[in-house]
PDB file of all heavy atoms in Angstrom:
ATOM      1  N   LEU A   1     149.628 -16.109  59.760  1.00  0.00           N
ATOM      2  CA  LEU A   1     150.953 -15.574  59.457  1.00  0.00           C
ATOM      3  C   LEU A   1     150.898 -14.064  59.304  1.00  0.00           C
ATOM      4  O   LEU A   1     149.886 -13.499  58.893  1.00  0.00           O
ATOM      5  CB  LEU A   1     151.496 -16.195  58.168  1.00  0.00           C
ATOM      6  CG  LEU A   1     151.721 -17.707  58.173  1.00  0.00           C
ATOM      7  CD1 LEU A   1     152.221 -18.161  56.802  1.00  0.00           C
ATOM      8  CD2 LEU A   1     152.717 -18.102  59.256  1.00  0.00           C
ATOM      9  N   THR A   2     152.005 -13.416  59.635  1.00  0.00           N
ATOM     10  CA  THR A   2     152.166 -11.975  59.462  1.00  0.00           C
ATOM     11  C   THR A   2     153.311 -11.727  58.498  1.00  0.00           C
ATOM     12  O   THR A   2     154.389 -12.312  58.649  1.00  0.00           O
ATOM     13  CB  THR A   2     152.496 -11.297  60.814  1.00  0.00           C
ATOM     14  OG1 THR A   2     151.370 -11.413  61.686  1.00  0.00           O
ATOM     15  CG2 THR A   2     152.827  -9.826  60.621  1.00  0.00           C
ATOM     16  N   LEU A   3     153.093 -10.881  57.495  1.00  0.00           N
ATOM     17  CA  LEU A   3     154.170 -10.479  56.596  1.00  0.00           C
ATOM     18  C   LEU A   3     154.909  -9.305  57.209  1.00  0.00           C
ATOM     19  O   LEU A   3     154.317  -8.261  57.499  1.00  0.00           O
ATOM     20  CB  LEU A   3     153.607 -10.091  55.227  1.00  0.00           C
ATOM     21  CG  LEU A   3     154.620  -9.500  54.230  1.00  0.00           C
ATOM     22  CD1 LEU A   3     155.674 -10.544  53.849  1.00  0.00           C
ATOM     23  CD2 LEU A   3     153.914  -8.969  52.995  1.00  0.00           C
ATOM     24  N   GLY A   4     156.214  -9.477  57.413  1.00  0.00           N
ATOM     25  CA  GLY A   4     157.025  -8.399  57.960  1.00  0.00           C
ATOM     26  C   GLY A   4     157.507  -7.461  56.867  1.00  0.00           C
ATOM     27  O   GLY A   4     157.488  -7.796  55.675  1.00  0.00           O
ATOM     28  N   THR A   5     157.964  -6.288  57.260  1.00  0.00           N
ATOM     29  CA  THR A   5     158.485  -5.340  56.283  1.00  0.00           C
ATOM     30  C   THR A   5     159.767  -5.849  55.629  1.00  0.00           C
ATOM     31  O   THR A   5     160.171  -5.344  54.587  1.00  0.00           O
ATOM     32  CB  THR A   5     158.758  -3.979  56.944  1.00  0.00           C
ATOM     33  OG1 THR A   5     159.610  -4.169  58.088  1.00  0.00           O
ATOM     34  CG2 THR A   5     157.458  -3.336  57.406  1.00  0.00           C
ATOM     35  N   ASP A   6     160.388  -6.854  56.237  1.00  0.00           N
ATOM     36  CA  ASP A   6     161.585  -7.455  55.652  1.00  0.00           C
ATOM     37  C   ASP A   6     161.256  -8.496  54.593  1.00  0.00           C
ATOM     38  O   ASP A   6     162.153  -9.106  54.008  1.00  0.00           O
ATOM     39  CB  ASP A   6     162.463  -8.080  56.736  1.00  0.00           C
ATOM     40  CG  ASP A   6     161.731  -9.144  57.558  1.00  0.00           C
ATOM     41  OD1 ASP A   6     160.552  -9.450  57.248  1.00  0.00           O
ATOM     42  OD2 ASP A   6     162.335  -9.674  58.518  1.00  0.00           O
ATOM     43  N   GLY A   7     159.955  -8.736  54.349  1.00  0.00           N
ATOM     44  CA  GLY A   7     159.542  -9.715  53.353  1.00  0.00           C
ATOM     45  C   GLY A   7     159.424 -11.125  53.878  1.00  0.00           C
ATOM     46  O   GLY A   7     159.018 -12.032  53.145  1.00  0.00           O
ATOM     47  N   ASN A   8     159.735 -11.336  55.149  1.00  0.00           N
ATOM     48  CA  ASN A   8     159.620 -12.655  55.764  1.00  0.00           C
ATOM     49  C   ASN A   8     158.274 -12.779  56.487  1.00  0.00           C
ATOM     50  O   ASN A   8     157.587 -11.781  56.732  1.00  0.00           O
ATOM     51  CB  ASN A   8     160.767 -12.885  56.754  1.00  0.00           C
ATOM     52  CG  ASN A   8     162.114 -12.820  56.076  1.00  0.00           C
ATOM     53  OD1 ASN A   8     162.286 -13.294  54.949  1.00  0.00           O
ATOM     54  ND2 ASN A   8     163.098 -12.227  56.739  1.00  0.00           N
ATOM     55  N   PHE A   9     157.938 -14.022  56.852  1.00  0.00           N
ATOM     56  CA  PHE A   9     156.670 -14.277  57.533  1.00  0.00           C
ATOM     57  C   PHE A   9     156.924 -14.695  58.979  1.00  0.00           C
ATOM     58  O   PHE A   9     157.926 -15.351  59.281  1.00  0.00           O
ATOM     59  CB  PHE A   9     155.886 -15.376  56.804  1.00  0.00           C
ATOM     60  CG  PHE A   9     155.447 -14.972  55.432  1.00  0.00           C
ATOM     61  CD1 PHE A   9     156.230 -15.251  54.322  1.00  0.00           C
ATOM     62  CD2 PHE A   9     154.259 -14.276  55.235  1.00  0.00           C
ATOM     63  CE1 PHE A   9     155.847 -14.858  53.061  1.00  0.00           C
ATOM     64  CE2 PHE A   9     153.862 -13.878  53.976  1.00  0.00           C
ATOM     65  CZ  PHE A   9     154.661 -14.170  52.883  1.00  0.00           C
ATOM     66  N   TYR A  10     155.987 -14.316  59.845  1.00  0.00           N
ATOM     67  CA  TYR A  10     156.114 -14.595  61.269  1.00  0.00           C
ATOM     68  C   TYR A  10     154.831 -15.225  61.794  1.00  0.00           C
ATOM     69  O   TYR A  10     153.732 -14.875  61.367  1.00  0.00           O
ATOM     70  CB  TYR A  10     156.433 -13.302  62.029  1.00  0.00           C
ATOM     71  CG  TYR A  10     157.761 -12.711  61.614  1.00  0.00           C
ATOM     72  CD1 TYR A  10     157.858 -11.904  60.485  1.00  0.00           C
ATOM     73  CD2 TYR A  10     158.919 -13.010  62.321  1.00  0.00           C
ATOM     74  CE1 TYR A  10     159.088 -11.398  60.069  1.00  0.00           C
ATOM     75  CE2 TYR A  10     160.152 -12.511  61.919  1.00  0.00           C
ATOM     76  CZ  TYR A  10     160.230 -11.699  60.784  1.00  0.00           C
ATOM     77  OH  TYR A  10     161.451 -11.217  60.378  1.00  0.00           O
ATOM     78  N   GLY A  11     154.993 -16.194  62.698  1.00  0.00           N
ATOM     79  CA  GLY A  11     153.838 -16.873  63.265  1.00  0.00           C
ATOM     80  C   GLY A  11     154.166 -17.432  64.638  1.00  0.00           C
ATOM     81  O   GLY A  11     155.302 -17.320  65.124  1.00  0.00           O
ATOM     82  N   SER A  12     153.176 -18.038  65.265  1.00  0.00           N
ATOM     83  CA  SER A  12     153.341 -18.613  66.608  1.00  0.00           C
ATOM     84  C   SER A  12     152.783 -20.025  66.647  1.00  0.00           C
ATOM     85  O   SER A  12     151.781 -20.315  65.991  1.00  0.00           O
ATOM     86  CB  SER A  12     152.608 -17.760  67.654  1.00  0.00           C
ATOM     87  OG  SER A  12     153.127 -16.454  67.706  1.00  0.00           O
ATOM     88  N   CYS A  13     153.429 -20.868  67.422  1.00  0.00           N
ATOM     89  CA  CYS A  13     152.945 -22.221  67.674  1.00  0.00           C
ATOM     90  C   CYS A  13     152.571 -22.316  69.153  1.00  0.00           C
ATOM     91  O   CYS A  13     153.327 -21.870  70.027  1.00  0.00           O
ATOM     92  CB  CYS A  13     154.009 -23.266  67.349  1.00  0.00           C
ATOM     93  SG  CYS A  13     154.420 -23.364  65.586  1.00  0.00           S
ATOM     94  N   GLN A  14     151.415 -22.922  69.425  1.00  0.00           N
ATOM     95  CA  GLN A  14     150.940 -23.002  70.805  1.00  0.00           C
ATOM     96  C   GLN A  14     151.650 -24.094  71.608  1.00  0.00           C
ATOM     97  O   GLN A  14     151.596 -24.095  72.838  1.00  0.00           O
ATOM     98  CB  GLN A  14     149.437 -23.230  70.818  1.00  0.00           C
ATOM     99  CG  GLN A  14     148.675 -22.090  70.157  1.00  0.00           C
ATOM    100  CD  GLN A  14     147.183 -22.278  70.197  1.00  0.00           C
ATOM    101  OE1 GLN A  14     146.575 -22.270  71.276  1.00  0.00           O
ATOM    102  NE2 GLN A  14     146.563 -22.473  69.050  1.00  0.00           N
ATOM    103  N   GLY A  15     152.280 -25.017  70.917  1.00  0.00           N
ATOM    104  CA  GLY A  15     153.036 -26.077  71.579  1.00  0.00           C
ATOM    105  C   GLY A  15     154.424 -26.177  70.979  1.00  0.00           C
ATOM    106  O   GLY A  15     154.804 -25.409  70.102  1.00  0.00           O
ATOM    107  N   GLY A  16     155.190 -27.144  71.453  1.00  0.00           N
ATOM    108  CA  GLY A  16     156.536 -27.328  70.930  1.00  0.00           C
ATOM    109  C   GLY A  16     157.505 -26.305  71.480  1.00  0.00           C
ATOM    110  O   GLY A  16     157.261 -25.656  72.504  1.00  0.00           O
ATOM    111  N   GLY A  17     158.628 -26.144  70.805  1.00  0.00           N
ATOM    112  CA  GLY A  17     159.679 -25.250  71.285  1.00  0.00           C
ATOM    113  C   GLY A  17     160.613 -25.965  72.238  1.00  0.00           C
ATOM    114  O   GLY A  17     160.481 -27.166  72.509  1.00  0.00           O
ATOM    115  N   ASP A  18     161.543 -25.222  72.792  1.00  0.00           N
ATOM    116  CA  ASP A  18     162.554 -25.817  73.666  1.00  0.00           C
ATOM    117  C   ASP A  18     161.982 -26.321  74.986  1.00  0.00           C
ATOM    118  O   ASP A  18     162.562 -27.210  75.622  1.00  0.00           O
ATOM    119  CB  ASP A  18     163.650 -24.789  73.965  1.00  0.00           C
ATOM    120  CG  ASP A  18     164.425 -24.384  72.721  1.00  0.00           C
ATOM    121  OD1 ASP A  18     164.376 -25.135  71.719  1.00  0.00           O
ATOM    122  OD2 ASP A  18     165.053 -23.308  72.744  1.00  0.00           O
ATOM    123  N   HIS A  19     160.847 -25.761  75.430  1.00  0.00           N
ATOM    124  CA  HIS A  19     160.293 -26.116  76.738  1.00  0.00           C
ATOM    125  C   HIS A  19     158.889 -26.706  76.658  1.00  0.00           C
ATOM    126  O   HIS A  19     158.306 -27.029  77.692  1.00  0.00           O
ATOM    127  CB  HIS A  19     160.273 -24.879  77.640  1.00  0.00           C
ATOM    128  CG  HIS A  19     161.568 -24.113  77.642  1.00  0.00           C
ATOM    129  ND1 HIS A  19     162.726 -24.585  78.234  1.00  0.00           N
ATOM    130  CD2 HIS A  19     161.893 -22.908  77.085  1.00  0.00           C
ATOM    131  CE1 HIS A  19     163.700 -23.706  78.059  1.00  0.00           C
ATOM    132  NE2 HIS A  19     163.223 -22.689  77.365  1.00  0.00           N
ATOM    133  N   GLY A  20     158.348 -26.812  75.448  1.00  0.00           N
ATOM    134  CA  GLY A  20     157.010 -27.374  75.287  1.00  0.00           C
ATOM    135  C   GLY A  20     155.876 -26.378  75.495  1.00  0.00           C
ATOM    136  O   GLY A  20     154.712 -26.759  75.503  1.00  0.00           O
ATOM    137  N   TYR A  21     156.219 -25.086  75.662  1.00  0.00           N
ATOM    138  CA  TYR A  21     155.208 -24.063  75.909  1.00  0.00           C
ATOM    139  C   TYR A  21     154.922 -23.195  74.682  1.00  0.00           C
ATOM    140  O   TYR A  21     154.258 -22.174  74.789  1.00  0.00           O
ATOM    141  CB  TYR A  21     155.634 -23.169  77.068  1.00  0.00           C
ATOM    142  CG  TYR A  21     155.681 -23.876  78.398  1.00  0.00           C
ATOM    143  CD1 TYR A  21     156.894 -24.138  79.025  1.00  0.00           C
ATOM    144  CD2 TYR A  21     154.504 -24.281  79.030  1.00  0.00           C
ATOM    145  CE1 TYR A  21     156.949 -24.783  80.254  1.00  0.00           C
ATOM    146  CE2 TYR A  21     154.544 -24.932  80.259  1.00  0.00           C
ATOM    147  CZ  TYR A  21     155.770 -25.180  80.864  1.00  0.00           C
ATOM    148  OH  TYR A  21     155.812 -25.831  82.083  1.00  0.00           O
ATOM    149  N   GLY A  22     155.423 -23.606  73.529  1.00  0.00           N
ATOM    150  CA  GLY A  22     155.188 -22.848  72.312  1.00  0.00           C
ATOM    151  C   GLY A  22     156.342 -21.927  71.956  1.00  0.00           C
ATOM    152  O   GLY A  22     157.270 -21.729  72.760  1.00  0.00           O
ATOM    153  N   TYR A  23     156.258 -21.363  70.761  1.00  0.00           N
ATOM    154  CA  TYR A  23     157.351 -20.513  70.292  1.00  0.00           C
ATOM    155  C   TYR A  23     156.873 -19.603  69.161  1.00  0.00           C
ATOM    156  O   TYR A  23     155.786 -19.779  68.607  1.00  0.00           O
ATOM    157  CB  TYR A  23     158.528 -21.357  69.822  1.00  0.00           C
ATOM    158  CG  TYR A  23     158.231 -22.311  68.675  1.00  0.00           C
ATOM    159  CD1 TYR A  23     158.487 -21.943  67.347  1.00  0.00           C
ATOM    160  CD2 TYR A  23     157.711 -23.582  68.904  1.00  0.00           C
ATOM    161  CE1 TYR A  23     158.221 -22.815  66.298  1.00  0.00           C
ATOM    162  CE2 TYR A  23     157.450 -24.457  67.868  1.00  0.00           C
ATOM    163  CZ  TYR A  23     157.713 -24.068  66.554  1.00  0.00           C
ATOM    164  OH  TYR A  23     157.437 -24.929  65.522  1.00  0.00           O
ATOM    165  N   VAL A  24     157.701 -18.624  68.839  1.00  0.00           N
ATOM    166  CA  VAL A  24     157.478 -17.722  67.708  1.00  0.00           C
ATOM    167  C   VAL A  24     158.478 -18.094  66.627  1.00  0.00           C
ATOM    168  O   VAL A  24     159.653 -18.340  66.915  1.00  0.00           O
ATOM    169  CB  VAL A  24     157.659 -16.244  68.120  1.00  0.00           C
ATOM    170  CG1 VAL A  24     157.514 -15.327  66.904  1.00  0.00           C
ATOM    171  CG2 VAL A  24     156.640 -15.869  69.193  1.00  0.00           C
ATOM    172  N   PHE A  25     158.002 -18.144  65.378  1.00  0.00           N
ATOM    173  CA  PHE A  25     158.889 -18.570  64.289  1.00  0.00           C
ATOM    174  C   PHE A  25     158.911 -17.556  63.147  1.00  0.00           C
ATOM    175  O   PHE A  25     158.047 -16.669  63.043  1.00  0.00           O
ATOM    176  CB  PHE A  25     158.475 -19.943  63.755  1.00  0.00           C
ATOM    177  CG  PHE A  25     157.108 -19.982  63.109  1.00  0.00           C
ATOM    178  CD1 PHE A  25     156.917 -19.619  61.776  1.00  0.00           C
ATOM    179  CD2 PHE A  25     156.001 -20.409  63.837  1.00  0.00           C
ATOM    180  CE1 PHE A  25     155.663 -19.664  61.190  1.00  0.00           C
ATOM    181  CE2 PHE A  25     154.735 -20.464  63.253  1.00  0.00           C
ATOM    182  CZ  PHE A  25     154.566 -20.089  61.933  1.00  0.00           C
ATOM    183  N   GLN A  26     159.906 -17.729  62.304  1.00  0.00           N
ATOM    184  CA  GLN A  26     160.083 -16.913  61.102  1.00  0.00           C
ATOM    185  C   GLN A  26     160.247 -17.843  59.905  1.00  0.00           C
ATOM    186  O   GLN A  26     160.923 -18.864  59.997  1.00  0.00           O
ATOM    187  CB  GLN A  26     161.331 -16.036  61.248  1.00  0.00           C
ATOM    188  CG  GLN A  26     161.728 -15.240  60.004  1.00  0.00           C
ATOM    189  CD  GLN A  26     163.176 -14.770  60.090  1.00  0.00           C
ATOM    190  OE1 GLN A  26     164.108 -15.586  60.098  1.00  0.00           O
ATOM    191  NE2 GLN A  26     163.371 -13.457  60.184  1.00  0.00           N
ATOM    192  N   VAL A  27     159.611 -17.497  58.794  1.00  0.00           N
ATOM    193  CA  VAL A  27     159.778 -18.238  57.547  1.00  0.00           C
ATOM    194  C   VAL A  27     160.362 -17.295  56.504  1.00  0.00           C
ATOM    195  O   VAL A  27     159.780 -16.237  56.231  1.00  0.00           O
ATOM    196  CB  VAL A  27     158.444 -18.812  57.030  1.00  0.00           C
ATOM    197  CG1 VAL A  27     158.654 -19.519  55.685  1.00  0.00           C
ATOM    198  CG2 VAL A  27     157.842 -19.778  58.034  1.00  0.00           C
TER     199      VAL A  27
END
């Protein structure tokens, strides 16, 4: 995970998403 300057966290998934090729997410 990466902590953004906005205080939120960002990460990536290697699978899943709308097309099954992975996605970037925010928590």
